[in-house]
N, C-alpha and C. Protein backbone atom coordinates (compact mmCIF):
# COMPACT_ATOMS: atom_id res chain seq x y z
N MET A 1 -94.47 -103.85 168.59
CA MET A 1 -94.19 -104.43 169.89
C MET A 1 -95.02 -103.75 170.97
N SER A 2 -95.11 -102.41 170.91
CA SER A 2 -95.87 -101.69 171.93
C SER A 2 -97.36 -102.04 171.85
N GLU A 3 -97.84 -102.38 170.65
CA GLU A 3 -99.24 -102.80 170.50
C GLU A 3 -99.48 -104.11 171.22
N LEU A 4 -98.51 -105.01 171.15
CA LEU A 4 -98.61 -106.29 171.84
C LEU A 4 -98.66 -106.09 173.35
N VAL A 5 -97.75 -105.25 173.86
CA VAL A 5 -97.72 -104.95 175.29
C VAL A 5 -99.04 -104.32 175.73
N GLU A 6 -99.55 -103.38 174.93
CA GLU A 6 -100.80 -102.73 175.26
C GLU A 6 -101.95 -103.72 175.23
N SER A 7 -101.96 -104.62 174.26
CA SER A 7 -103.01 -105.64 174.18
C SER A 7 -102.98 -106.56 175.39
N LEU A 8 -101.77 -106.97 175.79
CA LEU A 8 -101.64 -107.82 176.98
C LEU A 8 -102.06 -107.07 178.23
N ALA A 9 -101.70 -105.80 178.32
CA ALA A 9 -102.09 -104.99 179.47
C ALA A 9 -103.60 -104.85 179.55
N GLU A 10 -104.24 -104.63 178.40
CA GLU A 10 -105.70 -104.53 178.38
C GLU A 10 -106.33 -105.85 178.80
N LEU A 11 -105.77 -106.95 178.30
CA LEU A 11 -106.29 -108.27 178.63
C LEU A 11 -106.20 -108.53 180.12
N SER A 12 -105.11 -108.12 180.75
CA SER A 12 -104.93 -108.36 182.18
C SER A 12 -105.64 -107.31 183.04
N GLY A 13 -106.19 -106.30 182.42
CA GLY A 13 -106.86 -105.25 183.19
C GLY A 13 -105.88 -104.22 183.73
N ALA A 14 -104.63 -104.25 183.25
CA ALA A 14 -103.59 -103.38 183.79
C ALA A 14 -103.83 -101.91 183.50
N LEU A 15 -104.67 -101.60 182.52
CA LEU A 15 -104.90 -100.20 182.20
C LEU A 15 -106.08 -99.62 182.97
N GLU A 16 -106.77 -100.47 183.70
CA GLU A 16 -107.88 -99.98 184.51
C GLU A 16 -107.34 -99.32 185.77
N GLU A 17 -108.13 -98.44 186.32
CA GLU A 17 -107.75 -97.79 187.58
C GLU A 17 -107.86 -98.79 188.72
N TRP A 18 -107.02 -98.58 189.72
CA TRP A 18 -107.11 -99.40 190.92
C TRP A 18 -108.40 -99.07 191.66
N ARG A 19 -108.98 -100.06 192.29
CA ARG A 19 -110.18 -99.81 193.10
C ARG A 19 -109.79 -98.88 194.24
N PRO A 20 -110.68 -97.97 194.57
CA PRO A 20 -110.33 -97.00 195.62
C PRO A 20 -110.12 -97.68 196.97
N MET A 21 -109.26 -97.06 197.74
CA MET A 21 -108.95 -97.53 199.08
C MET A 21 -108.91 -96.30 199.97
N SER A 22 -109.60 -96.34 201.08
CA SER A 22 -109.67 -95.16 201.93
C SER A 22 -108.29 -94.82 202.49
N ARG A 23 -108.15 -93.55 202.80
CA ARG A 23 -106.89 -93.05 203.35
C ARG A 23 -106.53 -93.77 204.65
N TRP A 24 -107.53 -93.96 205.52
CA TRP A 24 -107.25 -94.61 206.81
C TRP A 24 -106.85 -96.07 206.58
N ALA A 25 -107.41 -96.73 205.57
CA ALA A 25 -107.04 -98.12 205.29
C ALA A 25 -105.60 -98.20 204.81
N VAL A 26 -105.19 -97.27 203.96
CA VAL A 26 -103.81 -97.25 203.50
C VAL A 26 -102.88 -97.04 204.69
N TRP A 27 -103.22 -96.09 205.55
CA TRP A 27 -102.39 -95.83 206.74
C TRP A 27 -102.33 -97.06 207.65
N ALA A 28 -103.46 -97.72 207.85
CA ALA A 28 -103.49 -98.91 208.71
C ALA A 28 -102.59 -100.01 208.15
N TRP A 29 -102.66 -100.24 206.83
CA TRP A 29 -101.80 -101.24 206.20
C TRP A 29 -100.33 -100.83 206.29
N LEU A 30 -100.04 -99.55 206.10
CA LEU A 30 -98.66 -99.09 206.20
C LEU A 30 -98.10 -99.34 207.60
N VAL A 31 -98.90 -99.07 208.62
CA VAL A 31 -98.48 -99.33 210.00
C VAL A 31 -98.21 -100.84 210.18
N PHE A 32 -99.11 -101.68 209.67
CA PHE A 32 -98.92 -103.12 209.76
C PHE A 32 -97.60 -103.54 209.12
N TYR A 33 -97.34 -103.07 207.90
CA TYR A 33 -96.12 -103.47 207.20
C TYR A 33 -94.87 -102.95 207.89
N VAL A 34 -94.90 -101.73 208.38
CA VAL A 34 -93.73 -101.19 209.09
C VAL A 34 -93.47 -102.00 210.35
N LEU A 35 -94.51 -102.34 211.10
CA LEU A 35 -94.33 -103.16 212.30
C LEU A 35 -93.80 -104.54 211.94
N PHE A 36 -94.31 -105.11 210.86
CA PHE A 36 -93.82 -106.42 210.44
C PHE A 36 -92.35 -106.35 210.03
N LEU A 37 -91.99 -105.30 209.30
CA LEU A 37 -90.59 -105.14 208.89
C LEU A 37 -89.67 -105.01 210.09
N ILE A 38 -90.10 -104.27 211.10
CA ILE A 38 -89.31 -104.14 212.33
C ILE A 38 -89.17 -105.51 213.01
N TYR A 39 -90.28 -106.24 213.09
CA TYR A 39 -90.28 -107.59 213.67
C TYR A 39 -89.32 -108.50 212.90
N ALA A 40 -89.40 -108.49 211.58
CA ALA A 40 -88.54 -109.35 210.76
C ALA A 40 -87.07 -108.94 210.90
N PHE A 41 -86.81 -107.64 210.91
CA PHE A 41 -85.44 -107.17 211.04
C PHE A 41 -84.85 -107.59 212.38
N ASN A 42 -85.63 -107.49 213.44
CA ASN A 42 -85.16 -107.86 214.78
C ASN A 42 -84.99 -109.37 214.95
N ALA A 43 -85.57 -110.16 214.08
CA ALA A 43 -85.42 -111.62 214.14
C ALA A 43 -84.08 -112.07 213.58
N HIS A 44 -83.38 -111.19 212.87
CA HIS A 44 -82.04 -111.47 212.33
C HIS A 44 -81.97 -112.79 211.56
N GLY A 45 -82.95 -113.00 210.68
CA GLY A 45 -82.94 -114.21 209.86
C GLY A 45 -83.55 -115.41 210.54
N GLY A 46 -84.09 -115.21 211.74
CA GLY A 46 -84.71 -116.32 212.46
C GLY A 46 -86.11 -116.61 211.97
N TYR A 47 -86.72 -117.59 212.58
CA TYR A 47 -88.05 -118.06 212.21
C TYR A 47 -89.10 -117.02 212.60
N LEU A 48 -89.93 -116.62 211.65
CA LEU A 48 -91.01 -115.65 211.89
C LEU A 48 -92.33 -116.42 211.99
N PHE A 49 -93.32 -115.84 212.65
CA PHE A 49 -94.59 -116.55 212.82
C PHE A 49 -95.22 -116.94 211.48
N ILE A 50 -95.06 -116.14 210.45
CA ILE A 50 -95.64 -116.43 209.14
C ILE A 50 -94.95 -117.62 208.47
N ASP A 51 -93.75 -117.94 208.93
CA ASP A 51 -93.00 -119.04 208.32
C ASP A 51 -93.64 -120.40 208.59
N SER A 52 -94.51 -120.50 209.56
CA SER A 52 -95.25 -121.75 209.76
C SER A 52 -96.15 -122.02 208.56
N ALA A 53 -96.80 -120.97 208.06
CA ALA A 53 -97.63 -121.13 206.85
C ALA A 53 -96.74 -121.41 205.64
N ASN A 54 -95.61 -120.72 205.56
CA ASN A 54 -94.68 -120.95 204.45
C ASN A 54 -94.20 -122.40 204.44
N LEU A 55 -93.94 -122.95 205.63
CA LEU A 55 -93.46 -124.32 205.74
C LEU A 55 -94.49 -125.32 205.23
N VAL A 56 -95.76 -125.12 205.57
CA VAL A 56 -96.82 -126.02 205.12
C VAL A 56 -96.90 -126.02 203.59
N VAL A 57 -96.88 -124.83 203.01
CA VAL A 57 -96.95 -124.72 201.54
C VAL A 57 -95.70 -125.33 200.92
N HIS A 58 -94.54 -125.05 201.51
CA HIS A 58 -93.28 -125.60 201.01
C HIS A 58 -93.33 -127.13 200.98
N GLU A 59 -93.71 -127.72 202.08
CA GLU A 59 -93.74 -129.19 202.16
C GLU A 59 -94.78 -129.78 201.21
N GLY A 60 -95.87 -129.07 200.98
CA GLY A 60 -96.87 -129.55 200.02
C GLY A 60 -96.35 -129.54 198.60
N GLY A 61 -95.39 -128.68 198.31
CA GLY A 61 -94.83 -128.60 196.96
C GLY A 61 -94.02 -129.81 196.56
N HIS A 62 -93.39 -130.47 197.53
CA HIS A 62 -92.56 -131.64 197.20
C HIS A 62 -93.39 -132.78 196.59
N PRO A 63 -94.44 -133.25 197.26
CA PRO A 63 -95.21 -134.33 196.62
C PRO A 63 -95.96 -133.87 195.37
N LEU A 64 -96.41 -132.62 195.36
CA LEU A 64 -97.12 -132.12 194.19
C LEU A 64 -96.22 -132.13 192.95
N PHE A 65 -95.02 -131.59 193.07
CA PHE A 65 -94.12 -131.51 191.93
C PHE A 65 -93.35 -132.81 191.67
N SER A 66 -93.39 -133.76 192.62
CA SER A 66 -92.69 -135.03 192.40
C SER A 66 -93.32 -135.82 191.26
N TRP A 67 -94.53 -135.47 190.88
CA TRP A 67 -95.18 -136.10 189.72
C TRP A 67 -94.37 -135.83 188.45
N PHE A 68 -93.57 -134.79 188.46
CA PHE A 68 -92.80 -134.39 187.28
C PHE A 68 -91.34 -134.82 187.37
N GLY A 69 -91.03 -135.69 188.31
CA GLY A 69 -89.69 -136.23 188.44
C GLY A 69 -89.01 -135.79 189.72
N PRO A 70 -87.91 -136.46 190.07
CA PRO A 70 -87.24 -136.17 191.34
C PRO A 70 -86.64 -134.77 191.43
N THR A 71 -86.16 -134.23 190.32
CA THR A 71 -85.57 -132.88 190.38
C THR A 71 -86.64 -131.84 190.70
N LEU A 72 -87.75 -131.88 189.99
CA LEU A 72 -88.83 -130.93 190.29
C LEU A 72 -89.45 -131.23 191.65
N GLY A 73 -89.44 -132.50 192.06
CA GLY A 73 -89.92 -132.83 193.39
C GLY A 73 -89.08 -132.17 194.47
N LEU A 74 -87.78 -132.13 194.24
CA LEU A 74 -86.87 -131.48 195.19
C LEU A 74 -87.07 -129.97 195.19
N TRP A 75 -87.12 -129.38 194.00
CA TRP A 75 -87.32 -127.93 193.87
C TRP A 75 -88.75 -127.51 194.19
N GLY A 76 -89.68 -128.47 194.15
CA GLY A 76 -91.10 -128.17 194.27
C GLY A 76 -91.51 -127.44 195.53
N GLY A 77 -90.79 -127.68 196.64
CA GLY A 77 -91.13 -126.97 197.87
C GLY A 77 -91.00 -125.48 197.71
N THR A 78 -89.85 -125.05 197.21
CA THR A 78 -89.61 -123.62 197.02
C THR A 78 -90.47 -123.07 195.89
N ILE A 79 -90.64 -123.85 194.82
CA ILE A 79 -91.48 -123.39 193.71
C ILE A 79 -92.88 -123.07 194.19
N LEU A 80 -93.51 -123.99 194.94
CA LEU A 80 -94.88 -123.75 195.40
C LEU A 80 -94.91 -122.64 196.45
N GLN A 81 -93.92 -122.64 197.32
CA GLN A 81 -93.85 -121.61 198.38
C GLN A 81 -93.81 -120.21 197.78
N TRP A 82 -93.12 -120.05 196.66
CA TRP A 82 -93.05 -118.75 196.00
C TRP A 82 -94.24 -118.53 195.07
N ALA A 83 -94.73 -119.60 194.46
CA ALA A 83 -95.81 -119.47 193.47
C ALA A 83 -97.13 -119.07 194.10
N VAL A 84 -97.45 -119.60 195.27
CA VAL A 84 -98.76 -119.32 195.88
C VAL A 84 -98.95 -117.82 196.11
N PRO A 85 -98.07 -117.14 196.86
CA PRO A 85 -98.31 -115.70 197.04
C PRO A 85 -98.18 -114.91 195.74
N PHE A 86 -97.29 -115.34 194.84
CA PHE A 86 -97.12 -114.62 193.58
C PHE A 86 -98.39 -114.72 192.73
N LEU A 87 -98.96 -115.90 192.62
CA LEU A 87 -100.18 -116.08 191.82
C LEU A 87 -101.36 -115.36 192.45
N LEU A 88 -101.42 -115.35 193.78
CA LEU A 88 -102.47 -114.58 194.45
C LEU A 88 -102.28 -113.08 194.19
N ALA A 89 -101.02 -112.61 194.20
CA ALA A 89 -100.76 -111.20 193.87
C ALA A 89 -101.19 -110.90 192.45
N ALA A 90 -100.93 -111.82 191.53
CA ALA A 90 -101.34 -111.62 190.13
C ALA A 90 -102.86 -111.53 190.03
N TYR A 91 -103.56 -112.35 190.79
CA TYR A 91 -105.03 -112.29 190.78
C TYR A 91 -105.51 -110.92 191.28
N PHE A 92 -104.98 -110.47 192.41
CA PHE A 92 -105.41 -109.18 192.95
C PHE A 92 -104.98 -108.02 192.05
N PHE A 93 -103.86 -108.18 191.35
CA PHE A 93 -103.45 -107.18 190.37
C PHE A 93 -104.50 -107.11 189.26
N HIS A 94 -104.88 -108.27 188.77
CA HIS A 94 -105.90 -108.33 187.71
C HIS A 94 -107.21 -107.71 188.17
N GLU A 95 -107.57 -107.94 189.41
CA GLU A 95 -108.82 -107.40 189.97
C GLU A 95 -108.67 -105.95 190.43
N ARG A 96 -107.45 -105.45 190.38
CA ARG A 96 -107.14 -104.06 190.74
C ARG A 96 -107.46 -103.76 192.21
N GLN A 97 -107.22 -104.73 193.08
CA GLN A 97 -107.45 -104.59 194.51
C GLN A 97 -106.12 -104.33 195.21
N VAL A 98 -105.93 -103.12 195.64
CA VAL A 98 -104.66 -102.67 196.19
C VAL A 98 -104.24 -103.49 197.40
N ALA A 99 -105.10 -103.60 198.41
CA ALA A 99 -104.71 -104.26 199.66
C ALA A 99 -104.32 -105.71 199.43
N GLY A 100 -105.10 -106.45 198.66
CA GLY A 100 -104.79 -107.85 198.39
C GLY A 100 -103.51 -108.00 197.59
N PHE A 101 -103.33 -107.14 196.60
CA PHE A 101 -102.14 -107.18 195.75
C PHE A 101 -100.89 -106.95 196.59
N VAL A 102 -100.88 -105.88 197.38
CA VAL A 102 -99.69 -105.55 198.17
C VAL A 102 -99.43 -106.63 199.22
N PHE A 103 -100.48 -107.11 199.88
CA PHE A 103 -100.32 -108.13 200.91
C PHE A 103 -99.65 -109.38 200.33
N CYS A 104 -100.17 -109.87 199.22
CA CYS A 104 -99.64 -111.10 198.62
C CYS A 104 -98.23 -110.89 198.06
N LEU A 105 -98.00 -109.75 197.43
CA LEU A 105 -96.67 -109.48 196.89
C LEU A 105 -95.65 -109.29 198.02
N PHE A 106 -96.06 -108.62 199.08
CA PHE A 106 -95.20 -108.42 200.25
C PHE A 106 -94.78 -109.78 200.81
N PHE A 107 -95.75 -110.69 200.97
CA PHE A 107 -95.42 -111.99 201.54
C PHE A 107 -94.75 -112.93 200.53
N PHE A 108 -94.89 -112.65 199.25
CA PHE A 108 -94.07 -113.34 198.25
C PHE A 108 -92.61 -113.03 198.54
N PHE A 109 -92.30 -111.76 198.73
CA PHE A 109 -90.92 -111.37 199.01
C PHE A 109 -90.47 -111.80 200.41
N GLU A 110 -91.38 -111.84 201.37
CA GLU A 110 -91.02 -112.32 202.71
C GLU A 110 -90.57 -113.77 202.63
N ASN A 111 -91.17 -114.54 201.72
CA ASN A 111 -90.77 -115.93 201.53
C ASN A 111 -89.30 -116.03 201.15
N TRP A 112 -88.77 -115.01 200.51
CA TRP A 112 -87.36 -115.03 200.11
C TRP A 112 -86.46 -115.02 201.35
N LEU A 113 -86.88 -114.34 202.42
CA LEU A 113 -86.10 -114.34 203.66
C LEU A 113 -86.04 -115.76 204.23
N TYR A 114 -87.20 -116.41 204.25
CA TYR A 114 -87.32 -117.77 204.75
C TYR A 114 -86.46 -118.71 203.91
N THR A 115 -86.53 -118.57 202.60
CA THR A 115 -85.73 -119.41 201.70
C THR A 115 -84.24 -119.14 201.90
N ALA A 116 -83.88 -117.88 202.08
CA ALA A 116 -82.47 -117.52 202.27
C ALA A 116 -81.90 -118.17 203.53
N THR A 117 -82.70 -118.22 204.58
CA THR A 117 -82.24 -118.86 205.82
C THR A 117 -81.96 -120.34 205.57
N TYR A 118 -82.84 -120.99 204.83
CA TYR A 118 -82.68 -122.40 204.48
C TYR A 118 -81.47 -122.59 203.57
N MET A 119 -81.28 -121.69 202.60
CA MET A 119 -80.13 -121.76 201.70
C MET A 119 -78.82 -121.61 202.48
N ALA A 120 -78.78 -120.66 203.39
CA ALA A 120 -77.56 -120.38 204.15
C ALA A 120 -77.15 -121.56 205.04
N ASP A 121 -78.08 -122.45 205.29
CA ASP A 121 -77.83 -123.62 206.13
C ASP A 121 -77.38 -124.84 205.31
N ALA A 122 -77.19 -124.68 204.02
CA ALA A 122 -76.92 -125.82 203.13
C ALA A 122 -75.68 -126.61 203.53
N ARG A 123 -74.61 -125.94 203.89
CA ARG A 123 -73.40 -126.66 204.31
C ARG A 123 -73.48 -127.09 205.77
N ALA A 124 -73.92 -126.20 206.63
CA ALA A 124 -73.93 -126.49 208.07
C ALA A 124 -74.99 -127.54 208.43
N MET A 125 -76.13 -127.47 207.78
CA MET A 125 -77.26 -128.38 208.02
C MET A 125 -77.59 -128.53 209.51
N VAL A 126 -77.78 -127.38 210.18
CA VAL A 126 -78.14 -127.41 211.59
C VAL A 126 -79.62 -127.12 211.84
N LEU A 127 -80.32 -126.60 210.83
CA LEU A 127 -81.75 -126.34 211.00
C LEU A 127 -82.52 -127.66 211.13
N PRO A 128 -83.55 -127.67 211.97
CA PRO A 128 -84.36 -128.89 212.03
C PRO A 128 -85.13 -129.03 210.72
N LEU A 129 -85.18 -130.25 210.19
CA LEU A 129 -85.85 -130.50 208.92
C LEU A 129 -87.21 -131.14 209.15
N VAL A 130 -88.12 -130.83 208.25
CA VAL A 130 -89.48 -131.37 208.29
C VAL A 130 -89.68 -132.13 206.99
N THR A 131 -90.43 -133.21 207.04
CA THR A 131 -90.69 -133.97 205.82
C THR A 131 -92.14 -134.45 205.80
N THR A 132 -92.65 -134.63 204.61
CA THR A 132 -93.98 -135.23 204.45
C THR A 132 -93.84 -136.71 204.13
N GLY A 133 -92.61 -137.17 203.97
CA GLY A 133 -92.37 -138.56 203.61
C GLY A 133 -91.74 -139.33 204.75
N ASP A 134 -90.94 -140.30 204.39
CA ASP A 134 -90.26 -141.17 205.33
C ASP A 134 -89.21 -140.38 206.11
N PRO A 135 -89.34 -140.31 207.45
CA PRO A 135 -88.38 -139.52 208.23
C PRO A 135 -86.96 -140.07 208.19
N ASP A 136 -86.79 -141.32 207.75
CA ASP A 136 -85.45 -141.88 207.63
C ASP A 136 -84.75 -141.42 206.35
N HIS A 137 -85.49 -140.80 205.46
CA HIS A 137 -84.92 -140.34 204.19
C HIS A 137 -85.10 -138.83 204.01
N VAL A 138 -84.84 -138.10 205.07
CA VAL A 138 -84.94 -136.64 205.01
C VAL A 138 -83.68 -136.09 204.35
N GLU A 139 -83.87 -135.17 203.42
CA GLU A 139 -82.71 -134.51 202.82
C GLU A 139 -82.88 -133.00 202.93
N HIS A 140 -81.78 -132.33 203.02
CA HIS A 140 -81.76 -130.87 203.06
C HIS A 140 -81.85 -130.39 201.61
N ASP A 141 -82.99 -129.78 201.24
CA ASP A 141 -83.22 -129.37 199.85
C ASP A 141 -82.04 -128.61 199.28
N TRP A 142 -81.62 -127.57 199.98
CA TRP A 142 -80.62 -126.67 199.41
C TRP A 142 -79.22 -127.26 199.44
N ASN A 143 -78.94 -128.18 200.35
CA ASN A 143 -77.67 -128.89 200.30
C ASN A 143 -77.62 -129.72 199.02
N THR A 144 -78.71 -130.42 198.74
CA THR A 144 -78.78 -131.26 197.55
C THR A 144 -78.77 -130.41 196.28
N ILE A 145 -79.55 -129.33 196.26
CA ILE A 145 -79.62 -128.47 195.08
C ILE A 145 -78.28 -127.81 194.80
N PHE A 146 -77.71 -127.18 195.82
CA PHE A 146 -76.43 -126.49 195.63
C PHE A 146 -75.31 -127.48 195.28
N SER A 147 -75.33 -128.68 195.89
CA SER A 147 -74.33 -129.69 195.56
C SER A 147 -74.43 -130.09 194.09
N SER A 148 -75.68 -130.30 193.63
CA SER A 148 -75.86 -130.72 192.23
C SER A 148 -75.47 -129.62 191.25
N LEU A 149 -75.57 -128.37 191.68
CA LEU A 149 -75.19 -127.24 190.82
C LEU A 149 -73.71 -126.86 190.97
N GLY A 150 -73.04 -127.49 191.94
CA GLY A 150 -71.63 -127.19 192.16
C GLY A 150 -71.37 -125.86 192.84
N VAL A 151 -72.34 -125.37 193.59
CA VAL A 151 -72.18 -124.07 194.24
C VAL A 151 -72.37 -124.15 195.76
N LEU A 152 -72.21 -125.34 196.32
CA LEU A 152 -72.44 -125.50 197.76
C LEU A 152 -71.57 -124.55 198.58
N ASN A 153 -70.34 -124.31 198.15
CA ASN A 153 -69.44 -123.41 198.90
C ASN A 153 -69.90 -121.95 198.86
N GLN A 154 -70.84 -121.62 197.99
CA GLN A 154 -71.35 -120.25 197.91
C GLN A 154 -72.73 -120.12 198.56
N ASP A 155 -73.11 -121.09 199.39
CA ASP A 155 -74.46 -121.09 199.96
C ASP A 155 -74.80 -119.80 200.69
N THR A 156 -73.90 -119.30 201.51
CA THR A 156 -74.21 -118.09 202.27
C THR A 156 -74.22 -116.84 201.39
N THR A 157 -73.39 -116.83 200.36
CA THR A 157 -73.38 -115.69 199.43
C THR A 157 -74.70 -115.64 198.65
N ILE A 158 -75.11 -116.78 198.12
CA ILE A 158 -76.38 -116.85 197.39
C ILE A 158 -77.53 -116.48 198.32
N ALA A 159 -77.49 -117.00 199.54
CA ALA A 159 -78.53 -116.68 200.51
C ALA A 159 -78.57 -115.18 200.80
N GLY A 160 -77.41 -114.56 200.87
CA GLY A 160 -77.36 -113.11 201.12
C GLY A 160 -78.01 -112.32 200.00
N VAL A 161 -77.78 -112.74 198.77
CA VAL A 161 -78.40 -112.07 197.62
C VAL A 161 -79.91 -112.26 197.67
N VAL A 162 -80.35 -113.48 197.92
CA VAL A 162 -81.80 -113.76 197.99
C VAL A 162 -82.44 -112.97 199.13
N ARG A 163 -81.78 -112.93 200.27
CA ARG A 163 -82.31 -112.17 201.42
C ARG A 163 -82.41 -110.68 201.07
N THR A 164 -81.37 -110.14 200.45
CA THR A 164 -81.37 -108.73 200.07
C THR A 164 -82.50 -108.42 199.09
N LEU A 165 -82.68 -109.28 198.09
CA LEU A 165 -83.78 -109.09 197.14
C LEU A 165 -85.14 -109.17 197.83
N GLY A 166 -85.25 -110.04 198.82
CA GLY A 166 -86.49 -110.13 199.59
C GLY A 166 -86.79 -108.83 200.33
N TRP A 167 -85.76 -108.28 200.98
CA TRP A 167 -85.94 -107.01 201.68
C TRP A 167 -86.28 -105.88 200.71
N ILE A 168 -85.59 -105.83 199.58
CA ILE A 168 -85.88 -104.79 198.59
C ILE A 168 -87.31 -104.92 198.10
N GLY A 169 -87.75 -106.15 197.84
CA GLY A 169 -89.12 -106.37 197.38
C GLY A 169 -90.15 -105.95 198.41
N MET A 170 -89.93 -106.31 199.68
CA MET A 170 -90.89 -105.92 200.73
C MET A 170 -90.93 -104.40 200.88
N LEU A 171 -89.77 -103.78 200.91
CA LEU A 171 -89.73 -102.32 201.03
C LEU A 171 -90.38 -101.65 199.82
N GLY A 172 -90.16 -102.22 198.64
CA GLY A 172 -90.78 -101.69 197.43
C GLY A 172 -92.31 -101.76 197.51
N CYS A 173 -92.83 -102.83 198.07
CA CYS A 173 -94.29 -102.95 198.25
C CYS A 173 -94.82 -101.85 199.15
N VAL A 174 -94.09 -101.59 200.24
CA VAL A 174 -94.52 -100.56 201.19
C VAL A 174 -94.45 -99.18 200.54
N VAL A 175 -93.40 -98.92 199.81
CA VAL A 175 -93.26 -97.63 199.11
C VAL A 175 -94.38 -97.45 198.09
N TRP A 176 -94.66 -98.51 197.33
CA TRP A 176 -95.74 -98.42 196.33
C TRP A 176 -97.07 -98.16 197.02
N LEU A 177 -97.34 -98.85 198.14
CA LEU A 177 -98.58 -98.61 198.87
C LEU A 177 -98.63 -97.17 199.37
N ALA A 178 -97.53 -96.67 199.89
CA ALA A 178 -97.48 -95.28 200.35
C ALA A 178 -97.75 -94.31 199.21
N SER A 179 -97.32 -94.69 198.01
CA SER A 179 -97.58 -93.82 196.86
C SER A 179 -99.07 -93.72 196.55
N ARG A 180 -99.85 -94.67 197.04
CA ARG A 180 -101.30 -94.63 196.85
C ARG A 180 -101.90 -93.44 197.62
N LEU A 181 -101.26 -93.06 198.73
CA LEU A 181 -101.72 -91.89 199.48
C LEU A 181 -101.57 -90.64 198.62
N LYS A 182 -100.44 -90.54 197.96
CA LYS A 182 -100.19 -89.39 197.09
C LYS A 182 -101.17 -89.41 195.91
N ALA A 183 -101.40 -90.60 195.35
CA ALA A 183 -102.32 -90.72 194.20
C ALA A 183 -103.73 -90.30 194.59
N ARG A 184 -104.11 -90.57 195.85
CA ARG A 184 -105.47 -90.20 196.28
C ARG A 184 -105.61 -88.69 196.43
N SER A 185 -104.49 -88.02 196.73
CA SER A 185 -104.59 -86.58 196.98
C SER A 185 -104.46 -85.76 195.69
N GLU A 186 -104.15 -86.43 194.57
CA GLU A 186 -104.00 -85.69 193.29
C GLU A 186 -105.28 -85.65 192.53
């Protein structure tokens, strides 16, 4: 089994060293992430400037995944919204580029905050909705998803878990980047 893991790691380039990143660049990125975390924390689950980009990707996911049926069409917004930064992070991981990897992974987890806000609104449905289709047939993704799963009454609990995981992921990215400073000094 360990041979398989090692073979896959070699194939993905995971055993190669990360490309060097200057100390000042690591510090500059750390300052950026800390400022962004403060900004996001102070927004208290509100709309962040980056969420405009998240919204465009989310809405593009619905028609893209609708080719695979109405269920995937409904889930497609969140699937694409999470897949884009995750796949970009995987690319930068493969290329061993620290800044690109951390940036994409950080914003993958930031998307979880945005998704959690939408999830928490499933019963209340007070958020303004955007659609790429007929405005007379707008549906709240998470109201429909949670209703079909029988968990609509747990919308805020599920959203809380997703939001917490998003924060843990973003903080983990910053900690890992900070560890690059230590790795450079060894």
